[in-house]
Amino acid sequence: EDALHLTDLLMDQPLGSSTELAELEQSALAEAGHLM
């Protein structure tokens, strides 16, 4: 659930927009993790 929320924040979309961690969502999370 937190990963989906973070994905929405990263992709600047309304909360609840992400319902699964598909390739694009995983890529956004990977970039955030790499940056951190």
PDB file of all heavy atoms in Angstrom:
ATOM      1  N   GLU A   1       0.829  -1.208   0.000  1.00  0.00           N
ATOM      2  CA  GLU A   1       0.000   0.000   0.000  1.00  0.00           C
ATOM      3  C   GLU A   1       0.866   1.261   0.000  1.00  0.00           C
ATOM      4  O   GLU A   1       0.609   2.203  -0.752  1.00  0.00           O
ATOM      5  CB  GLU A   1      -0.925   0.001   1.220  1.00  0.00           C
ATOM      6  CG  GLU A   1      -1.815   1.212   1.293  1.00  0.00           C
ATOM      7  CD  GLU A   1      -2.694   1.215   2.541  1.00  0.00           C
ATOM      8  OE1 GLU A   1      -2.705   0.229   3.298  1.00  0.00           O
ATOM      9  OE2 GLU A   1      -3.368   2.230   2.751  1.00  0.00           O
ATOM     10  N   ASP A   2       1.906   1.289   0.827  1.00  0.00           N
ATOM     11  CA  ASP A   2       2.792   2.456   0.866  1.00  0.00           C
ATOM     12  C   ASP A   2       3.560   2.613  -0.444  1.00  0.00           C
ATOM     13  O   ASP A   2       3.804   3.730  -0.900  1.00  0.00           O
ATOM     14  CB  ASP A   2       3.757   2.367   2.038  1.00  0.00           C
ATOM     15  CG  ASP A   2       3.086   2.664   3.379  1.00  0.00           C
ATOM     16  OD1 ASP A   2       1.968   3.207   3.380  1.00  0.00           O
ATOM     17  OD2 ASP A   2       3.698   2.349   4.418  1.00  0.00           O
ATOM     18  N   ALA A   3       3.931   1.500  -1.062  1.00  0.00           N
ATOM     19  CA  ALA A   3       4.623   1.573  -2.353  1.00  0.00           C
ATOM     20  C   ALA A   3       3.710   2.178  -3.421  1.00  0.00           C
ATOM     21  O   ALA A   3       4.162   2.982  -4.251  1.00  0.00           O
ATOM     22  CB  ALA A   3       5.098   0.186  -2.780  1.00  0.00           C
ATOM     23  N   LEU A   4       2.436   1.812  -3.398  1.00  0.00           N
ATOM     24  CA  LEU A   4       1.484   2.392  -4.350  1.00  0.00           C
ATOM     25  C   LEU A   4       1.299   3.893  -4.100  1.00  0.00           C
ATOM     26  O   LEU A   4       1.260   4.685  -5.037  1.00  0.00           O
ATOM     27  CB  LEU A   4       0.138   1.663  -4.271  1.00  0.00           C
ATOM     28  CG  LEU A   4       0.152   0.216  -4.769  1.00  0.00           C
ATOM     29  CD1 LEU A   4      -1.142  -0.507  -4.394  1.00  0.00           C
ATOM     30  CD2 LEU A   4       0.405   0.150  -6.266  1.00  0.00           C
ATOM     31  N   HIS A   5       1.222   4.287  -2.822  1.00  0.00           N
ATOM     32  CA  HIS A   5       1.106   5.715  -2.491  1.00  0.00           C
ATOM     33  C   HIS A   5       2.353   6.474  -2.940  1.00  0.00           C
ATOM     34  O   HIS A   5       2.249   7.559  -3.519  1.00  0.00           O
ATOM     35  CB  HIS A   5       0.881   5.923  -0.991  1.00  0.00           C
ATOM     36  CG  HIS A   5      -0.493   5.580  -0.528  1.00  0.00           C
ATOM     37  ND1 HIS A   5      -1.640   6.083  -1.109  1.00  0.00           N
ATOM     38  CD2 HIS A   5      -0.908   4.797   0.484  1.00  0.00           C
ATOM     39  CE1 HIS A   5      -2.700   5.603  -0.477  1.00  0.00           C
ATOM     40  NE2 HIS A   5      -2.281   4.824   0.491  1.00  0.00           N
ATOM     41  N   LEU A   6       3.526   5.907  -2.661  1.00  0.00           N
ATOM     42  CA  LEU A   6       4.769   6.565  -3.053  1.00  0.00           C
ATOM     43  C   LEU A   6       4.852   6.686  -4.571  1.00  0.00           C
ATOM     44  O   LEU A   6       5.271   7.719  -5.102  1.00  0.00           O
ATOM     45  CB  LEU A   6       5.983   5.812  -2.509  1.00  0.00           C
ATOM     46  CG  LEU A   6       7.347   6.417  -2.845  1.00  0.00           C
ATOM     47  CD1 LEU A   6       7.464   7.849  -2.340  1.00  0.00           C
ATOM     48  CD2 LEU A   6       8.470   5.545  -2.271  1.00  0.00           C
ATOM     49  N   THR A   7       4.408   5.664  -5.272  1.00  0.00           N
ATOM     50  CA  THR A   7       4.388   5.719  -6.731  1.00  0.00           C
ATOM     51  C   THR A   7       3.513   6.864  -7.213  1.00  0.00           C
ATOM     52  O   THR A   7       3.903   7.620  -8.109  1.00  0.00           O
ATOM     53  CB  THR A   7       3.881   4.381  -7.313  1.00  0.00           C
ATOM     54  OG1 THR A   7       4.775   3.341  -6.906  1.00  0.00           O
ATOM     55  CG2 THR A   7       3.818   4.415  -8.819  1.00  0.00           C
ATOM     56  N   ASP A   8       2.345   7.024  -6.611  1.00  0.00           N
ATOM     57  CA  ASP A   8       1.467   8.143  -6.988  1.00  0.00           C
ATOM     58  C   ASP A   8       2.151   9.484  -6.722  1.00  0.00           C
ATOM     59  O   ASP A   8       2.071  10.400  -7.551  1.00  0.00           O
ATOM     60  CB  ASP A   8       0.134   8.070  -6.237  1.00  0.00           C
ATOM     61  CG  ASP A   8      -0.774   6.971  -6.757  1.00  0.00           C
ATOM     62  OD1 ASP A   8      -0.582   6.526  -7.916  1.00  0.00           O
ATOM     63  OD2 ASP A   8      -1.674   6.540  -6.001  1.00  0.00           O
ATOM     64  N   LEU A   9       2.829   9.597  -5.589  1.00  0.00           N
ATOM     65  CA  LEU A   9       3.544  10.843  -5.277  1.00  0.00           C
ATOM     66  C   LEU A   9       4.671  11.089  -6.281  1.00  0.00           C
ATOM     67  O   LEU A   9       4.858  12.208  -6.758  1.00  0.00           O
ATOM     68  CB  LEU A   9       4.114  10.788  -3.860  1.00  0.00           C
ATOM     69  CG  LEU A   9       3.101  10.736  -2.715  1.00  0.00           C
ATOM     70  CD1 LEU A   9       3.811  10.507  -1.380  1.00  0.00           C
ATOM     71  CD2 LEU A   9       2.253  11.996  -2.680  1.00  0.00           C
ATOM     72  N   LEU A  10       5.407  10.044  -6.613  1.00  0.00           N
ATOM     73  CA  LEU A  10       6.521  10.170  -7.556  1.00  0.00           C
ATOM     74  C   LEU A  10       6.047  10.551  -8.955  1.00  0.00           C
ATOM     75  O   LEU A  10       6.710  11.320  -9.660  1.00  0.00           O
ATOM     76  CB  LEU A  10       7.315   8.856  -7.635  1.00  0.00           C
ATOM     77  CG  LEU A  10       8.135   8.501  -6.411  1.00  0.00           C
ATOM     78  CD1 LEU A  10       8.572   7.035  -6.474  1.00  0.00           C
ATOM     79  CD2 LEU A  10       9.339   9.422  -6.284  1.00  0.00           C
ATOM     80  N   MET A  11       4.914  10.012  -9.340  1.00  0.00           N
ATOM     81  CA  MET A  11       4.402  10.246 -10.685  1.00  0.00           C
ATOM     82  C   MET A  11       3.443  11.430 -10.741  1.00  0.00           C
ATOM     83  O   MET A  11       2.851  11.695 -11.786  1.00  0.00           O
ATOM     84  CB  MET A  11       3.764   8.961 -11.222  1.00  0.00           C
ATOM     85  CG  MET A  11       4.810   7.844 -11.345  1.00  0.00           C
ATOM     86  SD  MET A  11       4.191   6.196 -11.768  1.00  0.00           S
ATOM     87  CE  MET A  11       3.355   6.492 -13.281  1.00  0.00           C
ATOM     88  N   ASP A  12       3.309  12.141  -9.607  1.00  0.00           N
ATOM     89  CA  ASP A  12       2.479  13.336  -9.511  1.00  0.00           C
ATOM     90  C   ASP A  12       1.064  13.075 -10.030  1.00  0.00           C
ATOM     91  O   ASP A  12       0.531  13.814 -10.865  1.00  0.00           O
ATOM     92  CB  ASP A  12       3.129  14.506 -10.253  1.00  0.00           C
ATOM     93  CG  ASP A  12       2.539  15.844  -9.828  1.00  0.00           C
ATOM     94  OD1 ASP A  12       2.000  15.930  -8.709  1.00  0.00           O
ATOM     95  OD2 ASP A  12       2.596  16.797 -10.632  1.00  0.00           O
ATOM     96  N   GLN A  13       0.475  12.020  -9.491  1.00  0.00           N
ATOM     97  CA  GLN A  13      -0.895  11.685  -9.864  1.00  0.00           C
ATOM     98  C   GLN A  13      -1.726  11.552  -8.590  1.00  0.00           C
ATOM     99  O   GLN A  13      -1.162  11.397  -7.501  1.00  0.00           O
ATOM    100  CB  GLN A  13      -0.938  10.422 -10.713  1.00  0.00           C
ATOM    101  CG  GLN A  13      -0.283   9.203 -10.096  1.00  0.00           C
ATOM    102  CD  GLN A  13      -0.095   8.079 -11.103  1.00  0.00           C
ATOM    103  OE1 GLN A  13      -0.055   8.295 -12.308  1.00  0.00           O
ATOM    104  NE2 GLN A  13       0.015   6.868 -10.609  1.00  0.00           N
ATOM    105  N   PRO A  14      -3.039  11.644  -8.704  1.00  0.00           N
ATOM    106  CA  PRO A  14      -3.887  11.568  -7.513  1.00  0.00           C
ATOM    107  C   PRO A  14      -3.663  10.256  -6.755  1.00  0.00           C
ATOM    108  O   PRO A  14      -3.467   9.197  -7.368  1.00  0.00           O
ATOM    109  CB  PRO A  14      -5.314  11.622  -8.078  1.00  0.00           C
ATOM    110  CG  PRO A  14      -5.168  12.249  -9.428  1.00  0.00           C
ATOM    111  CD  PRO A  14      -3.814  11.848  -9.932  1.00  0.00           C
ATOM    112  N   LEU A  15      -3.683  10.359  -5.420  1.00  0.00           N
ATOM    113  CA  LEU A  15      -3.529   9.151  -4.601  1.00  0.00           C
ATOM    114  C   LEU A  15      -4.626   8.159  -4.936  1.00  0.00           C
ATOM    115  O   LEU A  15      -5.774   8.533  -5.123  1.00  0.00           O
ATOM    116  CB  LEU A  15      -3.574   9.513  -3.126  1.00  0.00           C
ATOM    117  CG  LEU A  15      -2.378  10.316  -2.616  1.00  0.00           C
ATOM    118  CD1 LEU A  15      -2.581  10.693  -1.160  1.00  0.00           C
ATOM    119  CD2 LEU A  15      -1.090   9.554  -2.798  1.00  0.00           C
ATOM    120  N   GLY A  16      -4.238   6.903  -5.045  1.00  0.00           N
ATOM    121  CA  GLY A  16      -5.175   5.852  -5.412  1.00  0.00           C
ATOM    122  C   GLY A  16      -5.159   5.525  -6.892  1.00  0.00           C
ATOM    123  O   GLY A  16      -5.810   4.587  -7.327  1.00  0.00           O
ATOM    124  N   SER A  17      -4.411   6.309  -7.676  1.00  0.00           N
ATOM    125  CA  SER A  17      -4.336   6.046  -9.117  1.00  0.00           C
ATOM    126  C   SER A  17      -3.618   4.737  -9.407  1.00  0.00           C
ATOM    127  O   SER A  17      -4.003   3.986 -10.298  1.00  0.00           O
ATOM    128  CB  SER A  17      -3.612   7.189  -9.838  1.00  0.00           C
ATOM    129  OG  SER A  17      -4.327   8.396  -9.708  1.00  0.00           O
ATOM    130  N   SER A  18      -2.555   4.471  -8.672  1.00  0.00           N
ATOM    131  CA  SER A  18      -1.790   3.228  -8.881  1.00  0.00           C
ATOM    132  C   SER A  18      -2.475   2.106  -8.118  1.00  0.00           C
ATOM    133  O   SER A  18      -2.706   2.208  -6.912  1.00  0.00           O
ATOM    134  CB  SER A  18      -0.355   3.389  -8.378  1.00  0.00           C
ATOM    135  OG  SER A  18       0.321   4.370  -9.121  1.00  0.00           O
ATOM    136  N   THR A  19      -2.800   1.051  -8.831  1.00  0.00           N
ATOM    137  CA  THR A  19      -3.452  -0.096  -8.207  1.00  0.00           C
ATOM    138  C   THR A  19      -2.596  -1.353  -8.261  1.00  0.00           C
ATOM    139  O   THR A  19      -2.928  -2.357  -7.641  1.00  0.00           O
ATOM    140  CB  THR A  19      -4.807  -0.377  -8.888  1.00  0.00           C
ATOM    141  OG1 THR A  19      -4.588  -0.602 -10.284  1.00  0.00           O
ATOM    142  CG2 THR A  19      -5.765   0.798  -8.692  1.00  0.00           C
ATOM    143  N   GLU A  20      -1.503  -1.285  -9.024  1.00  0.00           N
ATOM    144  CA  GLU A  20      -0.550  -2.392  -9.081  1.00  0.00           C
ATOM    145  C   GLU A  20       0.823  -1.813  -9.390  1.00  0.00           C
ATOM    146  O   GLU A  20       0.943  -0.696  -9.875  1.00  0.00           O
ATOM    147  CB  GLU A  20      -0.947  -3.409 -10.150  1.00  0.00           C
ATOM    148  CG  GLU A  20      -0.914  -2.851 -11.564  1.00  0.00           C
ATOM    149  CD  GLU A  20      -1.223  -3.901 -12.614  1.00  0.00           C
ATOM    150  OE1 GLU A  20      -1.036  -5.101 -12.345  1.00  0.00           O
ATOM    151  OE2 GLU A  20      -1.646  -3.513 -13.706  1.00  0.00           O
ATOM    152  N   LEU A  21       1.838  -2.591  -9.096  1.00  0.00           N
ATOM    153  CA  LEU A  21       3.200  -2.150  -9.373  1.00  0.00           C
ATOM    154  C   LEU A  21       3.673  -2.795 -10.675  1.00  0.00           C
ATOM    155  O   LEU A  21       4.439  -3.757 -10.670  1.00  0.00           O
ATOM    156  CB  LEU A  21       4.131  -2.479  -8.200  1.00  0.00           C
ATOM    157  CG  LEU A  21       3.844  -1.713  -6.919  1.00  0.00           C
ATOM    158  CD1 LEU A  21       4.766  -2.162  -5.799  1.00  0.00           C
ATOM    159  CD2 LEU A  21       3.961  -0.216  -7.141  1.00  0.00           C
ATOM    160  N   ALA A  22       3.178  -2.240 -11.774  1.00  0.00           N
ATOM    161  CA  ALA A  22       3.586  -2.705 -13.098  1.00  0.00           C
ATOM    162  C   ALA A  22       4.961  -2.104 -13.417  1.00  0.00           C
ATOM    163  O   ALA A  22       5.602  -1.467 -12.576  1.00  0.00           O
ATOM    164  CB  ALA A  22       2.540  -2.301 -14.129  1.00  0.00           C
ATOM    165  N   GLU A  23       5.410  -2.274 -14.642  1.00  0.00           N
ATOM    166  CA  GLU A  23       6.757  -1.863 -15.041  1.00  0.00           C
ATOM    167  C   GLU A  23       7.024  -0.376 -14.801  1.00  0.00           C
ATOM    168  O   GLU A  23       8.075  -0.010 -14.259  1.00  0.00           O
ATOM    169  CB  GLU A  23       6.980  -2.205 -16.515  1.00  0.00           C
ATOM    170  CG  GLU A  23       8.405  -2.008 -16.969  1.00  0.00           C
ATOM    171  CD  GLU A  23       8.618  -2.462 -18.402  1.00  0.00           C
ATOM    172  OE1 GLU A  23       7.839  -3.284 -18.917  1.00  0.00           O
ATOM    173  OE2 GLU A  23       9.583  -1.981 -19.006  1.00  0.00           O
ATOM    174  N   LEU A  24       6.106   0.489 -15.169  1.00  0.00           N
ATOM    175  CA  LEU A  24       6.303   1.926 -14.994  1.00  0.00           C
ATOM    176  C   LEU A  24       6.390   2.299 -13.513  1.00  0.00           C
ATOM    177  O   LEU A  24       7.255   3.075 -13.103  1.00  0.00           O
ATOM    178  CB  LEU A  24       5.178   2.712 -15.675  1.00  0.00           C
ATOM    179  CG  LEU A  24       5.276   4.231 -15.580  1.00  0.00           C
ATOM    180  CD1 LEU A  24       6.544   4.737 -16.271  1.00  0.00           C
ATOM    181  CD2 LEU A  24       4.042   4.879 -16.200  1.00  0.00           C
ATOM    182  N   GLU A  25       5.508   1.745 -12.702  1.00  0.00           N
ATOM    183  CA  GLU A  25       5.507   2.028 -11.272  1.00  0.00           C
ATOM    184  C   GLU A  25       6.784   1.502 -10.617  1.00  0.00           C
ATOM    185  O   GLU A  25       7.386   2.187  -9.778  1.00  0.00           O
ATOM    186  CB  GLU A  25       4.274   1.417 -10.605  1.00  0.00           C
ATOM    187  CG  GLU A  25       2.967   2.080 -10.967  1.00  0.00           C
ATOM    188  CD  GLU A  25       2.369   1.601 -12.294  1.00  0.00           C
ATOM    189  OE1 GLU A  25       2.946   0.683 -12.936  1.00  0.00           O
ATOM    190  OE2 GLU A  25       1.338   2.145 -12.700  1.00  0.00           O
ATOM    191  N   GLN A  26       7.219   0.311 -11.006  1.00  0.00           N
ATOM    192  CA  GLN A  26       8.455  -0.233 -10.458  1.00  0.00           C
ATOM    193  C   GLN A  26       9.660   0.599 -10.871  1.00  0.00           C
ATOM    194  O   GLN A  26      10.588   0.800 -10.088  1.00  0.00           O
ATOM    195  CB  GLN A  26       8.647  -1.691 -10.890  1.00  0.00           C
ATOM    196  CG  GLN A  26       7.702  -2.632 -10.183  1.00  0.00           C
ATOM    197  CD  GLN A  26       8.015  -4.084 -10.452  1.00  0.00           C
ATOM    198  OE1 GLN A  26       9.163  -4.460 -10.663  1.00  0.00           O
ATOM    199  NE2 GLN A  26       6.992  -4.920 -10.435  1.00  0.00           N
ATOM    200  N   SER A  27       9.638   1.118 -12.080  1.00  0.00           N
ATOM    201  CA  SER A  27      10.721   1.985 -12.551  1.00  0.00           C
ATOM    202  C   SER A  27      10.796   3.265 -11.720  1.00  0.00           C
ATOM    203  O   SER A  27      11.883   3.717 -11.342  1.00  0.00           O
ATOM    204  CB  SER A  27      10.520   2.318 -14.030  1.00  0.00           C
ATOM    205  OG  SER A  27      11.532   3.178 -14.481  1.00  0.00           O
ATOM    206  N   ALA A  28       9.646   3.850 -11.408  1.00  0.00           N
ATOM    207  CA  ALA A  28       9.618   5.063 -10.581  1.00  0.00           C
ATOM    208  C   ALA A  28      10.172   4.773  -9.189  1.00  0.00           C
ATOM    209  O   ALA A  28      10.975   5.547  -8.652  1.00  0.00           O
ATOM    210  CB  ALA A  28       8.191   5.606 -10.494  1.00  0.00           C
ATOM    211  N   LEU A  29       9.769   3.652  -8.605  1.00  0.00           N
ATOM    212  CA  LEU A  29      10.289   3.275  -7.290  1.00  0.00           C
ATOM    213  C   LEU A  29      11.794   3.014  -7.342  1.00  0.00           C
ATOM    214  O   LEU A  29      12.533   3.406  -6.431  1.00  0.00           O
ATOM    215  CB  LEU A  29       9.560   2.038  -6.762  1.00  0.00           C
ATOM    216  CG  LEU A  29       8.113   2.230  -6.339  1.00  0.00           C
ATOM    217  CD1 LEU A  29       7.476   0.884  -6.019  1.00  0.00           C
ATOM    218  CD2 LEU A  29       8.015   3.178  -5.155  1.00  0.00           C
ATOM    219  N   ALA A  30      12.243   2.352  -8.401  1.00  0.00           N
ATOM    220  CA  ALA A  30      13.671   2.070  -8.545  1.00  0.00           C
ATOM    221  C   ALA A  30      14.478   3.359  -8.604  1.00  0.00           C
ATOM    222  O   ALA A  30      15.536   3.478  -7.975  1.00  0.00           O
ATOM    223  CB  ALA A  30      13.924   1.221  -9.796  1.00  0.00           C
ATOM    224  N   GLU A  31      13.991   4.339  -9.348  1.00  0.00           N
ATOM    225  CA  GLU A  31      14.697   5.620  -9.447  1.00  0.00           C
ATOM    226  C   GLU A  31      14.751   6.317  -8.098  1.00  0.00           C
ATOM    227  O   GLU A  31      15.782   6.892  -7.729  1.00  0.00           O
ATOM    228  CB  GLU A  31      14.043   6.519 -10.498  1.00  0.00           C
ATOM    229  CG  GLU A  31      14.288   6.063 -11.919  1.00  0.00           C
ATOM    230  CD  GLU A  31      15.773   5.956 -12.256  1.00  0.00           C
ATOM    231  OE1 GLU A  31      16.561   6.846 -11.876  1.00  0.00           O
ATOM    232  OE2 GLU A  31      16.144   4.954 -12.894  1.00  0.00           O
ATOM    233  N   ALA A  32      13.655   6.280  -7.356  1.00  0.00           N
ATOM    234  CA  ALA A  32      13.637   6.902  -6.029  1.00  0.00           C
ATOM    235  C   ALA A  32      14.614   6.187  -5.093  1.00  0.00           C
ATOM    236  O   ALA A  32      15.367   6.834  -4.353  1.00  0.00           O
ATOM    237  CB  ALA A  32      12.230   6.887  -5.449  1.00  0.00           C
ATOM    238  N   GLY A  33      14.627   4.866  -5.126  1.00  0.00           N
ATOM    239  CA  GLY A  33      15.558   4.108  -4.292  1.00  0.00           C
ATOM    240  C   GLY A  33      17.002   4.387  -4.658  1.00  0.00           C
ATOM    241  O   GLY A  33      17.858   4.564  -3.785  1.00  0.00           O
ATOM    242  N   HIS A  34      17.286   4.437  -5.949  1.00  0.00           N
ATOM    243  CA  HIS A  34      18.641   4.722  -6.413  1.00  0.00           C
ATOM    244  C   HIS A  34      19.073   6.114  -5.959  1.00  0.00           C
ATOM    245  O   HIS A  34      20.192   6.305  -5.473  1.00  0.00           O
ATOM    246  CB  HIS A  34      18.709   4.597  -7.937  1.00  0.00           C
ATOM    247  CG  HIS A  34      20.090   4.595  -8.463  1.00  0.00           C
ATOM    248  ND1 HIS A  34      20.680   5.718  -8.984  1.00  0.00           N
ATOM    249  CD2 HIS A  34      21.019   3.607  -8.531  1.00  0.00           C
ATOM    250  CE1 HIS A  34      21.909   5.421  -9.363  1.00  0.00           C
ATOM    251  NE2 HIS A  34      22.133   4.151  -9.097  1.00  0.00           N
ATOM    252  N   LEU A  35      18.192   7.081  -6.099  1.00  0.00           N
ATOM    253  CA  LEU A  35      18.511   8.443  -5.678  1.00  0.00           C
ATOM    254  C   LEU A  35      18.795   8.500  -4.182  1.00  0.00           C
ATOM    255  O   LEU A  35      19.773   9.113  -3.749  1.00  0.00           O
ATOM    256  CB  LEU A  35      17.347   9.382  -6.027  1.00  0.00           C
ATOM    257  CG  LEU A  35      17.525  10.799  -5.503  1.00  0.00           C
ATOM    258  CD1 LEU A  35      17.564  11.784  -6.656  1.00  0.00           C
ATOM    259  CD2 LEU A  35      16.426  11.140  -4.536  1.00  0.00           C
ATOM    260  N   MET A  36      17.959   7.847  -3.381  1.00  0.00           N
ATOM    261  CA  MET A  36      18.146   7.894  -1.932  1.00  0.00           C
ATOM    262  C   MET A  36      19.458   7.253  -1.513  1.00  0.00           C
ATOM    263  O   MET A  36      20.185   7.796  -0.673  1.00  0.00           O
ATOM    264  CB  MET A  36      16.969   7.221  -1.237  1.00  0.00           C
ATOM    265  CG  MET A  36      15.678   8.010  -1.390  1.00  0.00           C
ATOM    266  SD  MET A  36      14.240   7.113  -0.805  1.00  0.00           S
ATOM    267  CE  MET A  36      14.640   6.891   0.907  1.00  0.00           C
TER     268      MET A  36
END
